[in-house]
Amino acid sequence: MTLLFPKNIISDRHTLTMASQDDLSAASLFNIKGWVAVVTGGGSGLGLVTAKALAANGVKVYVTGRRADKLKDAETQHPSGGSIIAVQMDVTDKESIQAGVDTIAKNEKFVNFLVNNAGVTSGKPSYFCLLPYGGEFC
């Protein structure tokens, strides 16, 4: 393991190795190649753009959404080694979420991160105001 410390604090009692300049480059520090991600609402819009950017950087991306046709259109293999894989899932339905998790878990031991992008519209406000006299929808 390499610890990063300025040279002036290294004592003869501790052997620490300085990181090379290559280890401190943005390409090295922010390398996510080989990671696994889930992007909810990944079949279109910002979710799809996010999934494409991640796949272009070597990430295996599971995109979820309700519309199977949009999800299938999003599927791709990228030359960087990344990919986009469709999983139909409705984030408003607990059984659908469990089925999506089960599908991903069959192929992966872990997920490195989640981009929770799915939008839910119901015609009602999606926020809750905490007013001084108790909570009310506003």
Protein backbone atom coordinates (compact mmCIF):
# COMPACT_ATOMS: atom_id res chain seq x y z
CA MET A 1 0.00 0.00 0.00
CA THR A 2 1.29 3.43 -0.90
CA LEU A 3 0.62 6.28 1.51
CA LEU A 4 0.81 9.83 0.26
CA PHE A 5 2.75 12.14 2.58
CA PRO A 6 5.01 15.10 1.93
CA LYS A 7 8.68 14.10 2.03
CA ASN A 8 9.44 16.27 5.04
CA ILE A 9 7.29 14.23 7.46
CA ILE A 10 8.80 10.84 6.67
CA SER A 11 10.94 9.65 9.54
CA ASP A 12 13.48 6.86 9.54
CA ARG A 13 11.09 4.81 11.70
CA HIS A 14 8.50 4.62 8.92
CA THR A 15 9.02 3.52 5.37
CA LEU A 16 6.54 5.33 3.15
CA THR A 17 6.56 5.41 -0.62
CA MET A 18 5.84 8.58 -2.52
CA ALA A 19 3.21 8.30 -5.22
CA SER A 20 4.41 8.92 -8.73
CA GLN A 21 2.99 11.81 -10.71
CA ASP A 22 1.11 9.28 -12.86
CA ASP A 23 -0.77 8.04 -9.77
CA LEU A 24 -1.99 11.57 -9.13
CA SER A 25 -3.32 12.26 -12.62
CA ALA A 26 -7.06 12.81 -13.08
CA ALA A 27 -7.17 9.74 -15.31
CA SER A 28 -5.80 7.63 -12.47
CA LEU A 29 -7.64 9.26 -9.57
CA PHE A 30 -11.03 9.13 -11.27
CA ASN A 31 -10.67 5.79 -13.06
CA ILE A 32 -13.93 3.84 -12.81
CA LYS A 33 -13.20 1.21 -15.43
CA GLY A 34 -14.60 -2.14 -14.34
CA TRP A 35 -17.09 -0.66 -11.89
CA VAL A 36 -20.78 -1.63 -11.84
CA ALA A 37 -23.53 0.99 -11.68
CA VAL A 38 -27.32 1.15 -11.71
CA VAL A 39 -29.04 4.17 -13.29
CA THR A 40 -32.76 4.36 -12.59
CA GLY A 41 -34.70 6.16 -15.31
CA GLY A 42 -31.82 5.32 -17.65
CA GLY A 43 -33.79 4.70 -20.84
CA SER A 44 -33.97 8.34 -21.91
CA GLY A 45 -33.02 11.91 -21.04
CA LEU A 46 -30.39 12.65 -18.40
CA GLY A 47 -30.40 9.05 -17.20
CA LEU A 48 -29.44 7.80 -20.66
CA VAL A 49 -26.75 10.47 -21.06
CA THR A 50 -25.35 9.49 -17.64
CA ALA A 51 -25.38 5.79 -18.57
CA LYS A 52 -23.60 6.49 -21.89
CA ALA A 53 -20.92 8.59 -20.16
CA LEU A 54 -20.32 5.86 -17.59
CA ALA A 55 -20.17 3.12 -20.25
CA ALA A 56 -17.72 5.21 -22.29
CA ASN A 57 -15.47 5.13 -19.23
CA GLY A 58 -15.55 1.37 -18.82
CA VAL A 59 -18.47 0.96 -16.42
CA LYS A 60 -21.00 -1.87 -16.68
CA VAL A 61 -24.27 0.06 -16.35
CA TYR A 62 -27.67 -1.43 -15.60
CA VAL A 63 -30.35 1.02 -16.73
CA THR A 64 -33.81 0.63 -15.28
CA GLY A 65 -37.15 2.04 -16.33
CA ARG A 66 -40.73 1.14 -17.16
CA ARG A 67 -40.59 1.35 -20.96
CA ALA A 68 -39.00 -1.81 -22.36
CA ASP A 69 -38.64 -0.33 -25.87
CA LYS A 70 -36.61 2.66 -24.63
CA LEU A 71 -34.47 0.41 -22.45
CA LYS A 72 -33.69 -1.99 -25.32
CA ASP A 73 -32.72 0.99 -27.53
CA ALA A 74 -30.29 2.09 -24.82
CA GLU A 75 -28.43 -1.24 -24.62
CA THR A 76 -24.90 -1.12 -26.02
CA GLN A 77 -21.35 -2.41 -25.74
CA HIS A 78 -18.67 0.28 -25.69
CA PRO A 79 -15.13 -0.16 -27.05
CA SER A 80 -13.80 0.92 -23.62
CA GLY A 81 -15.18 -2.30 -22.14
CA GLY A 82 -18.23 -0.61 -20.65
CA SER A 83 -21.77 -1.64 -21.43
CA ILE A 84 -25.39 -0.68 -20.90
CA ILE A 85 -27.77 -3.47 -19.90
CA ALA A 86 -31.55 -2.98 -19.70
CA VAL A 87 -33.60 -4.09 -16.70
CA GLN A 88 -37.31 -3.28 -16.75
CA MET A 89 -38.36 -1.92 -13.36
CA ASP A 90 -40.95 0.49 -11.95
CA VAL A 91 -39.57 2.43 -8.97
CA THR A 92 -43.09 2.98 -7.63
CA ASP A 93 -43.73 -0.76 -7.25
CA LYS A 94 -41.87 -2.67 -4.49
CA GLU A 95 -42.33 -6.03 -6.24
CA SER A 96 -40.92 -4.61 -9.47
CA ILE A 97 -37.94 -3.18 -7.57
CA GLN A 98 -37.28 -6.56 -5.93
CA ALA A 99 -37.45 -8.29 -9.33
CA GLY A 100 -34.96 -5.76 -10.73
CA VAL A 101 -32.60 -6.28 -7.80
CA ASP A 102 -32.87 -10.05 -8.23
CA THR A 103 -32.05 -9.76 -11.95
CA ILE A 104 -28.94 -7.68 -11.29
CA ALA A 105 -27.87 -9.89 -8.35
CA LYS A 106 -27.86 -12.95 -10.61
CA ASN A 107 -25.02 -11.36 -12.60
CA GLU A 108 -23.18 -9.21 -10.06
CA LYS A 109 -21.69 -9.76 -6.62
CA PHE A 110 -21.91 -6.02 -5.87
CA VAL A 111 -22.85 -2.63 -7.30
CA ASN A 112 -20.36 0.22 -6.86
CA PHE A 113 -22.93 3.01 -7.06
CA LEU A 114 -26.50 3.99 -7.85
CA VAL A 115 -27.65 7.00 -9.84
CA ASN A 116 -31.20 7.48 -8.60
CA ASN A 117 -32.56 9.39 -11.60
CA ALA A 118 -36.09 8.02 -12.06
CA GLY A 119 -38.73 10.72 -12.08
CA VAL A 120 -42.19 10.13 -10.69
CA THR A 121 -45.06 12.32 -11.77
CA SER A 122 -48.54 11.95 -10.39
CA GLY A 123 -50.12 15.32 -11.02
CA LYS A 124 -49.67 16.16 -7.33
CA PRO A 125 -46.73 18.07 -5.88
CA SER A 126 -43.85 15.75 -5.09
CA TYR A 127 -42.60 17.73 -2.12
CA PHE A 128 -43.71 18.13 1.46
CA CYS A 129 -43.61 21.40 3.38
CA LEU A 130 -42.88 21.38 7.07
CA LEU A 131 -44.84 24.37 8.28
CA PRO A 132 -44.64 25.67 11.85
CA TYR A 133 -48.03 24.10 12.69
CA GLY A 134 -47.33 20.65 11.30
CA GLY A 135 -46.63 19.14 7.93
CA GLU A 136 -48.88 19.93 4.99
CA PHE A 137 -48.73 19.35 1.30
CA CYS A 138 -48.15 22.63 -0.43
